[in-house]
């Protein structure tokens, strides 16, 4: 039981609404809650990580253009 709880994917750990994966498989959270009462084992701490902000498809190109604009502005000054 402990191995199942520890191996639970992050998507199953936190319910993010009716259509989330965690809402479809609530047994993982139930098993975690039952580790202490049934097996006298401490439940592992599940900490929600902050969401990563992914850059867009053209972010490298945009950064290069911004750098060129900054270089041209500095050379004009």
PDB file of N, CA and C in Angstrom:
ATOM      1  N   UNK A   1       0.836  -1.188   0.000  1.00  0.00           N
ATOM      2  CA  UNK A   1       0.000   0.000   0.000  1.00  0.00           C
ATOM      3  C   UNK A   1       0.881   1.252   0.000  1.00  0.00           C
ATOM      4  N   UNK A   2       1.925   1.228   0.820  1.00  0.00           N
ATOM      5  CA  UNK A   2       2.821   2.384   0.892  1.00  0.00           C
ATOM      6  C   UNK A   2       3.478   2.638  -0.466  1.00  0.00           C
ATOM      7  N   UNK A   3       3.881   1.588  -1.147  1.00  0.00           N
ATOM      8  CA  UNK A   3       4.516   1.733  -2.457  1.00  0.00           C
ATOM      9  C   UNK A   3       3.549   2.352  -3.474  1.00  0.00           C
ATOM     10  N   UNK A   4       2.288   1.963  -3.422  1.00  0.00           N
ATOM     11  CA  UNK A   4       1.291   2.556  -4.324  1.00  0.00           C
ATOM     12  C   UNK A   4       1.143   4.048  -4.089  1.00  0.00           C
ATOM     13  N   UNK A   5       1.113   4.427  -2.830  1.00  0.00           N
ATOM     14  CA  UNK A   5       0.950   5.841  -2.491  1.00  0.00           C
ATOM     15  C   UNK A   5       2.189   6.633  -2.907  1.00  0.00           C
ATOM     16  N   UNK A   6       3.352   6.088  -2.659  1.00  0.00           N
ATOM     17  CA  UNK A   6       4.595   6.787  -3.029  1.00  0.00           C
ATOM     18  C   UNK A   6       4.768   6.883  -4.546  1.00  0.00           C
ATOM     19  N   UNK A   7       4.244   5.910  -5.271  1.00  0.00           N
ATOM     20  CA  UNK A   7       4.389   5.896  -6.726  1.00  0.00           C
ATOM     21  C   UNK A   7       3.283   6.658  -7.454  1.00  0.00           C
ATOM     22  N   UNK A   8       2.350   7.222  -6.717  1.00  0.00           N
ATOM     23  CA  UNK A   8       1.238   7.941  -7.348  1.00  0.00           C
ATOM     24  C   UNK A   8       1.770   9.113  -8.166  1.00  0.00           C
ATOM     25  N   UNK A   9       1.401   9.178  -9.434  1.00  0.00           N
ATOM     26  CA  UNK A   9       1.819  10.318 -10.256  1.00  0.00           C
ATOM     27  C   UNK A   9       1.275  11.625  -9.693  1.00  0.00           C
ATOM     28  N   UNK A  10       1.975  12.685  -9.967  1.00  0.00           N
ATOM     29  CA  UNK A  10       1.591  13.986  -9.416  1.00  0.00           C
ATOM     30  C   UNK A  10       0.184  14.408  -9.843  1.00  0.00           C
ATOM     31  N   UNK A  11      -0.222  14.026 -11.030  1.00  0.00           N
ATOM     32  CA  UNK A  11      -1.555  14.391 -11.523  1.00  0.00           C
ATOM     33  C   UNK A  11      -2.659  13.766 -10.683  1.00  0.00           C
ATOM     34  N   UNK A  12      -2.364  12.659 -10.006  1.00  0.00           N
ATOM     35  CA  UNK A  12      -3.369  11.988  -9.185  1.00  0.00           C
ATOM     36  C   UNK A  12      -3.413  12.515  -7.753  1.00  0.00           C
ATOM     37  N   UNK A  13      -2.469  13.316  -7.379  1.00  0.00           N
ATOM     38  CA  UNK A  13      -2.358  13.748  -5.988  1.00  0.00           C
ATOM     39  C   UNK A  13      -3.286  14.896  -5.623  1.00  0.00           C
ATOM     40  N   UNK A  14      -3.596  15.758  -6.563  1.00  0.00           N
ATOM     41  CA  UNK A  14      -4.376  16.956  -6.251  1.00  0.00           C
ATOM     42  C   UNK A  14      -5.564  17.079  -7.200  1.00  0.00           C
ATOM     43  N   UNK A  15      -6.742  17.156  -6.628  1.00  0.00           N
ATOM     44  CA  UNK A  15      -7.970  17.272  -7.400  1.00  0.00           C
ATOM     45  C   UNK A  15      -8.090  18.694  -7.928  1.00  0.00           C
ATOM     46  N   UNK A  16      -8.143  18.830  -9.240  1.00  0.00           N
ATOM     47  CA  UNK A  16      -8.226  20.151  -9.877  1.00  0.00           C
ATOM     48  C   UNK A  16      -9.557  20.361 -10.596  1.00  0.00           C
ATOM     49  N   UNK A  17     -10.582  19.691 -10.147  1.00  0.00           N
ATOM     50  CA  UNK A  17     -11.884  19.839 -10.783  1.00  0.00           C
ATOM     51  C   UNK A  17     -12.442  18.507 -11.227  1.00  0.00           C
ATOM     52  N   UNK A  18     -13.678  18.544 -11.691  1.00  0.00           N
ATOM     53  CA  UNK A  18     -14.393  17.312 -12.029  1.00  0.00           C
ATOM     54  C   UNK A  18     -13.734  16.496 -13.136  1.00  0.00           C
ATOM     55  N   UNK A  19     -13.082  17.160 -14.073  1.00  0.00           N
ATOM     56  CA  UNK A  19     -12.503  16.449 -15.210  1.00  0.00           C
ATOM     57  C   UNK A  19     -11.018  16.142 -15.026  1.00  0.00           C
ATOM     58  N   UNK A  20     -10.471  16.474 -13.890  1.00  0.00           N
ATOM     59  CA  UNK A  20      -9.050  16.188 -13.669  1.00  0.00           C
ATOM     60  C   UNK A  20      -8.842  14.696 -13.449  1.00  0.00           C
ATOM     61  N   UNK A  21      -7.626  14.248 -13.672  1.00  0.00           N
ATOM     62  CA  UNK A  21      -7.293  12.836 -13.495  1.00  0.00           C
ATOM     63  C   UNK A  21      -7.490  12.437 -12.041  1.00  0.00           C
ATOM     64  N   UNK A  22      -7.147  13.313 -11.128  1.00  0.00           N
ATOM     65  CA  UNK A  22      -7.294  13.014  -9.701  1.00  0.00           C
ATOM     66  C   UNK A  22      -8.754  12.792  -9.325  1.00  0.00           C
ATOM     67  N   UNK A  23      -9.659  13.513  -9.960  1.00  0.00           N
ATOM     68  CA  UNK A  23     -11.085  13.324  -9.682  1.00  0.00           C
ATOM     69  C   UNK A  23     -11.579  11.982 -10.219  1.00  0.00           C
ATOM     70  N   UNK A  24     -10.964  11.513 -11.283  1.00  0.00           N
ATOM     71  CA  UNK A  24     -11.367  10.236 -11.871  1.00  0.00           C
ATOM     72  C   UNK A  24     -10.827   9.040 -11.090  1.00  0.00           C
ATOM     73  N   UNK A  25      -9.730   9.244 -10.356  1.00  0.00           N
ATOM     74  CA  UNK A  25      -9.109   8.165  -9.583  1.00  0.00           C
ATOM     75  C   UNK A  25      -8.880   8.604  -8.134  1.00  0.00           C
ATOM     76  N   UNK A  26      -9.943   8.778  -7.352  1.00  0.00           N
ATOM     77  CA  UNK A  26      -9.796   9.273  -5.978  1.00  0.00           C
ATOM     78  C   UNK A  26      -9.184   8.244  -5.020  1.00  0.00           C
ATOM     79  N   UNK A  27      -9.064   7.007  -5.458  1.00  0.00           N
ATOM     80  CA  UNK A  27      -8.547   5.968  -4.553  1.00  0.00           C
ATOM     81  C   UNK A  27      -7.112   6.245  -4.105  1.00  0.00           C
ATOM     82  N   UNK A  28      -6.311   6.920  -4.908  1.00  0.00           N
ATOM     83  CA  UNK A  28      -4.932   7.204  -4.495  1.00  0.00           C
ATOM     84  C   UNK A  28      -4.901   8.100  -3.260  1.00  0.00           C
ATOM     85  N   UNK A  29      -5.744   9.113  -3.253  1.00  0.00           N
ATOM     86  CA  UNK A  29      -5.802  10.006  -2.087  1.00  0.00           C
ATOM     87  C   UNK A  29      -6.406   9.277  -0.887  1.00  0.00           C
ATOM     88  N   UNK A  30      -7.364   8.389  -1.125  1.00  0.00           N
ATOM     89  CA  UNK A  30      -7.964   7.606  -0.030  1.00  0.00           C
ATOM     90  C   UNK A  30      -6.936   6.664   0.575  1.00  0.00           C
ATOM     91  N   UNK A  31      -6.151   6.005  -0.272  1.00  0.00           N
ATOM     92  CA  UNK A  31      -5.119   5.095   0.230  1.00  0.00           C
ATOM     93  C   UNK A  31      -4.112   5.854   1.081  1.00  0.00           C
ATOM     94  N   UNK A  32      -3.762   7.060   0.646  1.00  0.00           N
ATOM     95  CA  UNK A  32      -2.810   7.869   1.412  1.00  0.00           C
ATOM     96  C   UNK A  32      -3.393   8.195   2.791  1.00  0.00           C
ATOM     97  N   UNK A  33      -4.656   8.562   2.813  1.00  0.00           N
ATOM     98  CA  UNK A  33      -5.306   8.909   4.077  1.00  0.00           C
ATOM     99  C   UNK A  33      -5.443   7.701   5.005  1.00  0.00           C
ATOM    100  N   UNK A  34      -5.489   6.492   4.446  1.00  0.00           N
ATOM    101  CA  UNK A  34      -5.671   5.282   5.254  1.00  0.00           C
ATOM    102  C   UNK A  34      -4.358   4.647   5.728  1.00  0.00           C
ATOM    103  N   UNK A  35      -3.225   5.130   5.235  1.00  0.00           N
ATOM    104  CA  UNK A  35      -1.945   4.535   5.640  1.00  0.00           C
ATOM    105  C   UNK A  35      -1.756   4.562   7.153  1.00  0.00           C
ATOM    106  N   UNK A  36      -2.057   5.681   7.780  1.00  0.00           N
ATOM    107  CA  UNK A  36      -1.889   5.797   9.228  1.00  0.00           C
ATOM    108  C   UNK A  36      -2.864   4.941  10.013  1.00  0.00           C
ATOM    109  N   UNK A  37      -4.173   5.113   9.795  1.00  0.00           N
ATOM    110  CA  UNK A  37      -5.149   4.346  10.585  1.00  0.00           C
ATOM    111  C   UNK A  37      -5.087   2.827  10.377  1.00  0.00           C
ATOM    112  N   UNK A  38      -4.832   2.372   9.161  1.00  0.00           N
ATOM    113  CA  UNK A  38      -4.860   0.935   8.899  1.00  0.00           C
ATOM    114  C   UNK A  38      -3.504   0.240   9.061  1.00  0.00           C
ATOM    115  N   UNK A  39      -2.441   0.942   8.682  1.00  0.00           N
ATOM    116  CA  UNK A  39      -1.133   0.289   8.643  1.00  0.00           C
ATOM    117  C   UNK A  39      -0.112   0.914   9.595  1.00  0.00           C
ATOM    118  N   UNK A  40      -0.512   1.942  10.307  1.00  0.00           N
ATOM    119  CA  UNK A  40       0.374   2.638  11.235  1.00  0.00           C
ATOM    120  C   UNK A  40       1.651   3.128  10.545  1.00  0.00           C
ATOM    121  N   UNK A  41       1.480   3.633   9.320  1.00  0.00           N
ATOM    122  CA  UNK A  41       2.589   4.182   8.543  1.00  0.00           C
ATOM    123  C   UNK A  41       2.341   5.670   8.313  1.00  0.00           C
ATOM    124  N   UNK A  42       3.379   6.474   8.359  1.00  0.00           N
ATOM    125  CA  UNK A  42       3.183   7.900   8.084  1.00  0.00           C
ATOM    126  C   UNK A  42       2.907   8.115   6.596  1.00  0.00           C
ATOM    127  N   UNK A  43       1.964   8.954   6.315  1.00  0.00           N
ATOM    128  CA  UNK A  43       1.646   9.263   4.920  1.00  0.00           C
ATOM    129  C   UNK A  43       2.719  10.186   4.361  1.00  0.00           C
ATOM    130  N   UNK A  44       3.195   9.902   3.148  1.00  0.00           N
ATOM    131  CA  UNK A  44       4.199  10.786   2.554  1.00  0.00           C
ATOM    132  C   UNK A  44       3.598  12.163   2.290  1.00  0.00           C
ATOM    133  N   UNK A  45       4.439  13.170   2.403  1.00  0.00           N
ATOM    134  CA  UNK A  45       3.970  14.537   2.177  1.00  0.00           C
ATOM    135  C   UNK A  45       3.864  14.780   0.675  1.00  0.00           C
ATOM    136  N   UNK A  46       2.730  15.233   0.259  1.00  0.00           N
ATOM    137  CA  UNK A  46       2.518  15.586  -1.140  1.00  0.00           C
ATOM    138  C   UNK A  46       2.470  17.094  -1.226  1.00  0.00           C
ATOM    139  N   UNK A  47       3.447  17.677  -1.870  1.00  0.00           N
ATOM    140  CA  UNK A  47       3.530  19.126  -2.022  1.00  0.00           C
ATOM    141  C   UNK A  47       3.290  19.466  -3.483  1.00  0.00           C
ATOM    142  N   UNK A  48       2.390  20.370  -3.696  1.00  0.00           N
ATOM    143  CA  UNK A  48       2.075  20.766  -5.058  1.00  0.00           C
ATOM    144  C   UNK A  48       3.130  21.742  -5.552  1.00  0.00           C
ATOM    145  N   UNK A  49       3.761  21.400  -6.657  1.00  0.00           N
ATOM    146  CA  UNK A  49       4.805  22.240  -7.229  1.00  0.00           C
ATOM    147  C   UNK A  49       4.161  23.366  -8.023  1.00  0.00           C
ATOM    148  N   UNK A  50       4.800  24.522  -8.049  1.00  0.00           N
ATOM    149  CA  UNK A  50       4.247  25.608  -8.863  1.00  0.00           C
ATOM    150  C   UNK A  50       4.293  25.250 -10.339  1.00  0.00           C
ATOM    151  N   UNK A  51       3.326  25.729 -11.061  1.00  0.00           N
ATOM    152  CA  UNK A  51       3.265  25.431 -12.491  1.00  0.00           C
ATOM    153  C   UNK A  51       4.390  26.156 -13.212  1.00  0.00           C
ATOM    154  N   UNK A  52       4.978  25.459 -14.183  1.00  0.00           N
ATOM    155  CA  UNK A  52       6.026  26.055 -14.995  1.00  0.00           C
ATOM    156  C   UNK A  52       5.385  26.876 -16.098  1.00  0.00           C
ATOM    157  N   UNK A  53       5.962  28.021 -16.372  1.00  0.00           N
ATOM    158  CA  UNK A  53       5.495  28.832 -17.477  1.00  0.00           C
ATOM    159  C   UNK A  53       6.384  28.498 -18.661  1.00  0.00           C
ATOM    160  N   UNK A  54       5.784  27.883 -19.650  1.00  0.00           N
ATOM    161  CA  UNK A  54       6.555  27.486 -20.815  1.00  0.00           C
ATOM    162  C   UNK A  54       6.567  28.617 -21.823  1.00  0.00           C
ATOM    163  N   UNK A  55       7.720  28.790 -22.416  1.00  0.00           N
ATOM    164  CA  UNK A  55       7.850  29.830 -23.429  1.00  0.00           C
ATOM    165  C   UNK A  55       7.193  29.354 -24.710  1.00  0.00           C
ATOM    166  N   UNK A  56       6.776  30.297 -25.504  1.00  0.00           N
ATOM    167  CA  UNK A  56       6.108  29.971 -26.751  1.00  0.00           C
ATOM    168  C   UNK A  56       7.061  29.417 -27.790  1.00  0.00           C
ATOM    169  N   UNK A  57       6.512  29.009 -28.889  1.00  0.00           N
ATOM    170  CA  UNK A  57       7.261  28.407 -29.976  1.00  0.00           C
ATOM    171  C   UNK A  57       8.319  29.358 -30.526  1.00  0.00           C
ATOM    172  N   UNK A  58       7.989  30.635 -30.570  1.00  0.00           N
ATOM    173  CA  UNK A  58       8.883  31.606 -31.189  1.00  0.00           C
ATOM    174  C   UNK A  58       9.649  32.429 -30.160  1.00  0.00           C
ATOM    175  N   UNK A  59       9.735  31.974 -28.927  1.00  0.00           N
ATOM    176  CA  UNK A  59      10.365  32.766 -27.882  1.00  0.00           C
ATOM    177  C   UNK A  59      11.835  33.026 -28.174  1.00  0.00           C
ATOM    178  N   UNK A  60      12.570  32.074 -28.727  1.00  0.00           N
ATOM    179  CA  UNK A  60      13.992  32.276 -29.035  1.00  0.00           C
ATOM    180  C   UNK A  60      14.141  33.357 -30.096  1.00  0.00           C
ATOM    181  N   UNK A  61      13.266  33.321 -31.087  1.00  0.00           N
ATOM    182  CA  UNK A  61      13.307  34.332 -32.142  1.00  0.00           C
ATOM    183  C   UNK A  61      12.963  35.703 -31.571  1.00  0.00           C
ATOM    184  N   UNK A  62      11.961  35.778 -30.705  1.00  0.00           N
ATOM    185  CA  UNK A  62      11.571  37.037 -30.094  1.00  0.00           C
ATOM    186  C   UNK A  62      12.693  37.603 -29.230  1.00  0.00           C
ATOM    187  N   UNK A  63      13.381  36.734 -28.483  1.00  0.00           N
ATOM    188  CA  UNK A  63      14.492  37.185 -27.653  1.00  0.00           C
ATOM    189  C   UNK A  63      15.617  37.736 -28.510  1.00  0.00           C
ATOM    190  N   UNK A  64      15.898  37.091 -29.635  1.00  0.00           N
ATOM    191  CA  UNK A  64      16.946  37.555 -30.537  1.00  0.00           C
ATOM    192  C   UNK A  64      16.575  38.922 -31.115  1.00  0.00           C
ATOM    193  N   UNK A  65      15.309  39.084 -31.498  1.00  0.00           N
ATOM    194  CA  UNK A  65      14.863  40.375 -32.037  1.00  0.00           C
ATOM    195  C   UNK A  65      14.948  41.471 -30.979  1.00  0.00           C
ATOM    196  N   UNK A  66      14.574  41.158 -29.740  1.00  0.00           N
ATOM    197  CA  UNK A  66      14.669  42.134 -28.653  1.00  0.00           C
ATOM    198  C   UNK A  66      16.115  42.531 -28.410  1.00  0.00           C
ATOM    199  N   UNK A  67      17.020  41.575 -28.468  1.00  0.00           N
ATOM    200  CA  UNK A  67      18.440  41.861 -28.260  1.00  0.00           C
ATOM    201  C   UNK A  67      18.961  42.758 -29.371  1.00  0.00           C
ATOM    202  N   UNK A  68      18.541  42.491 -30.610  1.00  0.00           N
ATOM    203  CA  UNK A  68      18.958  43.332 -31.733  1.00  0.00           C
ATOM    204  C   UNK A  68      18.445  44.753 -31.572  1.00  0.00           C
ATOM    205  N   UNK A  69      17.182  44.895 -31.136  1.00  0.00           N
ATOM    206  CA  UNK A  69      16.612  46.229 -30.924  1.00  0.00           C
ATOM    207  C   UNK A  69      17.371  46.969 -29.838  1.00  0.00           C
ATOM    208  N   UNK A  70      17.704  46.281 -28.761  1.00  0.00           N
ATOM    209  CA  UNK A  70      18.454  46.930 -27.679  1.00  0.00           C
ATOM    210  C   UNK A  70      19.843  47.336 -28.145  1.00  0.00           C
ATOM    211  N   UNK A  71      20.485  46.506 -28.944  1.00  0.00           N
ATOM    212  CA  UNK A  71      21.825  46.834 -29.466  1.00  0.00           C
ATOM    213  C   UNK A  71      21.773  48.054 -30.373  1.00  0.00           C
ATOM    214  N   UNK A  72      20.741  48.105 -31.244  1.00  0.00           N
ATOM    215  CA  UNK A  72      20.633  49.235 -32.166  1.00  0.00           C
ATOM    216  C   UNK A  72      20.293  50.521 -31.425  1.00  0.00           C
ATOM    217  N   UNK A  73      19.510  50.459 -30.370  1.00  0.00           N
ATOM    218  CA  UNK A  73      19.177  51.643 -29.565  1.00  0.00           C
ATOM    219  C   UNK A  73      20.413  52.156 -28.831  1.00  0.00           C
ATOM    220  N   UNK A  74      21.237  51.242 -28.333  1.00  0.00           N
ATOM    221  CA  UNK A  74      22.440  51.650 -27.628  1.00  0.00           C
ATOM    222  C   UNK A  74      23.466  52.264 -28.563  1.00  0.00           C
ATOM    223  N   UNK A  75      23.571  51.745 -29.775  1.00  0.00           N
ATOM    224  CA  UNK A  75      24.550  52.279 -30.726  1.00  0.00           C
ATOM    225  C   UNK A  75      24.127  53.652 -31.236  1.00  0.00           C
ATOM    226  N   UNK A  76      22.828  53.937 -31.254  1.00  0.00           N
ATOM    227  CA  UNK A  76      22.323  55.238 -31.694  1.00  0.00           C
ATOM    228  C   UNK A  76      22.564  56.305 -30.630  1.00  0.00           C
ATOM    229  N   UNK A  77      22.664  55.922 -29.389  1.00  0.00           N
ATOM    230  CA  UNK A  77      22.816  56.895 -28.306  1.00  0.00           C
ATOM    231  C   UNK A  77      24.181  57.457 -28.224  1.00  0.00           C
TER     232      UNK A  77
END
